[in-house]
Amino acid sequence: MTQVEVWNADETLLHRVSVRHAVKMIWRGVATPVEVHESERLGPYQVPIVVRLVRYVEQKWLYSRTRATYSRDGVLLRDKGQCAYCGRFTATTMDHVTPRSRGGATSWLNAVAACEDCNARKGSRTPDEAGMPLRWDPYVPTRAQLRFARTATATATRLRKEILG
């Protein structure tokens, strides 16, 4: 079965759920159907395409200014897959600006996305020693910034597949 969009009471998209789950939400009175399939039914209910919650659900965690949890994937998302050394959008690895062998921390402020060629060329040297200046300074992203980057990346990937077939 297809997925059903769940809107908050202010009509902003929250997430997607299964048709069965959406019908249960309607039955419990938690949500109301906004758009339905005219001919398809699940029991006494028309199959919903979009449902809206009856009460507003606050999403404090999404807009929190707190730090995002550090991860390799997070660094690649933060830098949008762009190599911090050459600028190409082919970054698949994460590089420690100050190498760990020299006491560099594994943290947001010491990690950047890098393509395999630049990462290998830099090796266990600092950017100054390797003659490879950073194009931007690493920073600690918020959870919202990473979520936005994840959504943008997924959308770009989907469009690329549609175009290239």
Protein backbone atom coordinates (compact mmCIF):
# COMPACT_ATOMS: atom_id res chain seq x y z
CA MET A 1 0.00 0.00 0.00
CA THR A 2 1.05 3.59 -0.48
CA GLN A 3 2.10 6.09 2.15
CA VAL A 4 -0.23 8.78 3.52
CA GLU A 5 1.01 12.29 4.34
CA VAL A 6 0.33 13.42 7.90
CA TRP A 7 -0.04 17.17 8.32
CA ASN A 8 0.11 19.02 11.61
CA ALA A 9 -2.93 21.13 12.57
CA ASP A 10 -1.27 24.12 10.88
CA GLU A 11 -1.00 22.07 7.64
CA THR A 12 2.77 21.60 7.72
CA LEU A 13 4.02 18.15 6.72
CA LEU A 14 5.06 16.03 9.71
CA HIS A 15 5.76 12.62 8.20
CA ARG A 16 4.22 9.74 6.25
CA VAL A 17 2.46 6.65 7.57
CA SER A 18 0.86 3.54 6.11
CA VAL A 19 -2.75 3.65 4.91
CA ARG A 20 -3.74 1.32 7.74
CA HIS A 21 -2.16 3.59 10.34
CA ALA A 22 -3.84 6.67 8.81
CA VAL A 23 -7.25 4.99 8.93
CA LYS A 24 -6.67 4.10 12.59
CA MET A 25 -5.83 7.76 13.27
CA ILE A 26 -9.11 8.82 11.62
CA TRP A 27 -11.07 6.17 13.56
CA ARG A 28 -9.55 7.31 16.89
CA GLY A 29 -10.38 10.95 16.10
CA VAL A 30 -6.74 12.02 16.13
CA ALA A 31 -6.80 13.09 12.47
CA THR A 32 -9.26 14.06 9.77
CA PRO A 33 -8.97 13.21 6.08
CA VAL A 34 -7.98 16.10 3.81
CA GLU A 35 -7.74 14.21 0.53
CA VAL A 36 -9.03 10.70 -0.22
CA HIS A 37 -9.17 8.21 -3.09
CA GLU A 38 -12.69 8.35 -4.51
CA SER A 39 -13.05 4.66 -5.34
CA GLU A 40 -10.75 2.85 -2.88
CA ARG A 41 -12.00 1.89 0.57
CA LEU A 42 -10.57 0.24 3.68
CA GLY A 43 -13.52 -1.01 5.65
CA PRO A 44 -16.06 1.80 6.00
CA TYR A 45 -13.42 4.48 5.29
CA GLN A 46 -12.22 5.88 1.99
CA VAL A 47 -8.47 5.39 1.60
CA PRO A 48 -6.82 8.67 2.60
CA ILE A 49 -4.04 10.38 0.66
CA VAL A 50 -3.52 13.18 3.20
CA VAL A 51 -4.68 13.49 6.83
CA ARG A 52 -4.46 16.48 9.18
CA LEU A 53 -4.05 16.16 12.93
CA VAL A 54 -6.87 17.57 15.06
CA ARG A 55 -4.44 19.03 17.61
CA TYR A 56 -1.18 20.83 16.93
CA VAL A 57 1.92 18.78 17.77
CA GLU A 58 4.88 20.91 18.83
CA GLN A 59 8.23 19.80 17.44
CA LYS A 60 10.73 21.42 19.77
CA TRP A 61 13.39 18.82 19.00
CA LEU A 62 13.38 19.69 15.29
CA TYR A 63 14.13 23.37 15.78
CA SER A 64 16.39 22.87 18.74
CA ARG A 65 19.59 24.85 18.68
CA THR A 66 21.30 22.02 20.50
CA ARG A 67 24.20 20.26 18.93
CA ALA A 68 23.67 17.46 16.50
CA THR A 69 25.29 14.14 17.30
CA TYR A 70 28.65 13.84 15.56
CA SER A 71 28.97 11.20 12.85
CA ARG A 72 30.78 10.62 9.57
CA ASP A 73 27.48 10.77 7.66
CA GLY A 74 26.65 14.00 9.49
CA VAL A 75 29.90 15.58 8.30
CA LEU A 76 29.15 14.56 4.69
CA LEU A 77 25.63 16.01 5.01
CA ARG A 78 26.84 19.22 6.65
CA ASP A 79 29.32 19.80 3.80
CA LYS A 80 26.72 18.75 1.18
CA GLY A 81 29.07 16.16 -0.33
CA GLN A 82 31.53 18.88 -1.36
CA CYS A 83 35.24 18.30 -0.85
CA ALA A 84 36.64 20.93 1.53
CA TYR A 85 39.97 20.90 -0.33
CA CYS A 86 39.21 20.89 -4.08
CA GLY A 87 35.55 21.95 -4.02
CA ARG A 88 34.23 19.13 -6.21
CA PHE A 89 30.92 17.53 -5.19
CA THR A 90 32.48 14.05 -5.03
CA ALA A 91 33.25 13.80 -1.31
CA THR A 92 32.71 10.29 0.00
CA THR A 93 35.18 10.29 2.89
CA MET A 94 35.67 12.30 6.06
CA ASP A 95 39.04 13.85 6.86
CA HIS A 96 40.45 15.06 10.18
CA VAL A 97 41.86 18.57 9.64
CA THR A 98 44.43 18.02 12.38
CA PRO A 99 45.25 14.29 12.01
CA ARG A 100 44.37 12.00 14.90
CA SER A 101 47.98 10.79 14.85
CA ARG A 102 48.90 14.32 15.93
CA GLY A 103 46.30 14.59 18.66
CA GLY A 104 43.44 15.90 16.53
CA ALA A 105 40.00 15.36 18.01
CA THR A 106 37.20 13.42 16.40
CA SER A 107 34.70 16.26 16.45
CA TRP A 108 32.64 18.55 14.22
CA LEU A 109 35.29 21.27 14.40
CA ASN A 110 38.11 18.98 13.25
CA ALA A 111 36.32 17.07 10.47
CA VAL A 112 35.48 17.92 6.87
CA ALA A 113 34.16 16.05 3.85
CA ALA A 114 36.84 15.13 1.33
CA CYS A 115 37.06 13.26 -1.95
CA GLU A 116 39.21 10.13 -1.91
CA ASP A 117 41.99 11.75 -3.98
CA CYS A 118 42.36 14.78 -1.69
CA ASN A 119 42.12 12.65 1.45
CA ALA A 120 44.92 10.38 0.22
CA ARG A 121 47.03 13.34 -0.96
CA LYS A 122 46.74 15.13 2.40
CA GLY A 123 47.55 11.98 4.37
CA SER A 124 48.71 12.53 7.96
CA ARG A 125 49.62 16.16 7.44
CA THR A 126 47.87 19.39 8.33
CA PRO A 127 46.32 21.39 5.45
CA ASP A 128 49.17 23.94 5.68
CA GLU A 129 51.86 21.24 5.48
CA ALA A 130 50.13 19.61 2.52
CA GLY A 131 49.57 22.94 0.75
CA MET A 132 45.83 22.26 0.67
CA PRO A 133 43.95 25.13 2.30
CA LEU A 134 40.38 24.56 3.46
CA ARG A 135 37.66 26.28 1.42
CA TRP A 136 35.57 26.82 4.61
CA ASP A 137 35.94 26.38 8.34
CA PRO A 138 34.21 23.37 9.91
CA TYR A 139 31.33 24.18 12.27
CA VAL A 140 28.88 22.43 14.57
CA PRO A 141 25.53 22.14 12.77
CA THR A 142 22.15 22.14 14.47
CA ARG A 143 19.80 19.18 14.18
CA ALA A 144 17.54 21.24 11.92
CA GLN A 145 20.41 22.00 9.53
CA LEU A 146 21.24 18.30 9.21
CA ARG A 147 17.60 17.36 8.71
CA PHE A 148 17.26 19.99 5.99
CA ALA A 149 20.46 18.75 4.32
CA ARG A 150 19.20 15.14 4.48
CA THR A 151 15.87 16.14 2.87
CA ALA A 152 17.60 18.19 0.17
CA THR A 153 19.97 15.32 -0.60
CA ALA A 154 17.12 12.81 -0.86
CA THR A 155 15.17 15.14 -3.16
CA ALA A 156 18.20 15.69 -5.40
CA THR A 157 18.85 11.95 -5.59
CA ARG A 158 15.21 11.24 -6.51
CA LEU A 159 15.22 13.92 -9.23
CA ARG A 160 18.54 12.65 -10.61
CA LYS A 161 17.08 9.12 -10.90
CA GLU A 162 13.93 10.44 -12.63
CA ILE A 163 15.94 12.45 -15.14
CA LEU A 164 18.57 9.80 -15.88
CA GLY A 165 16.03 7.00 -15.83
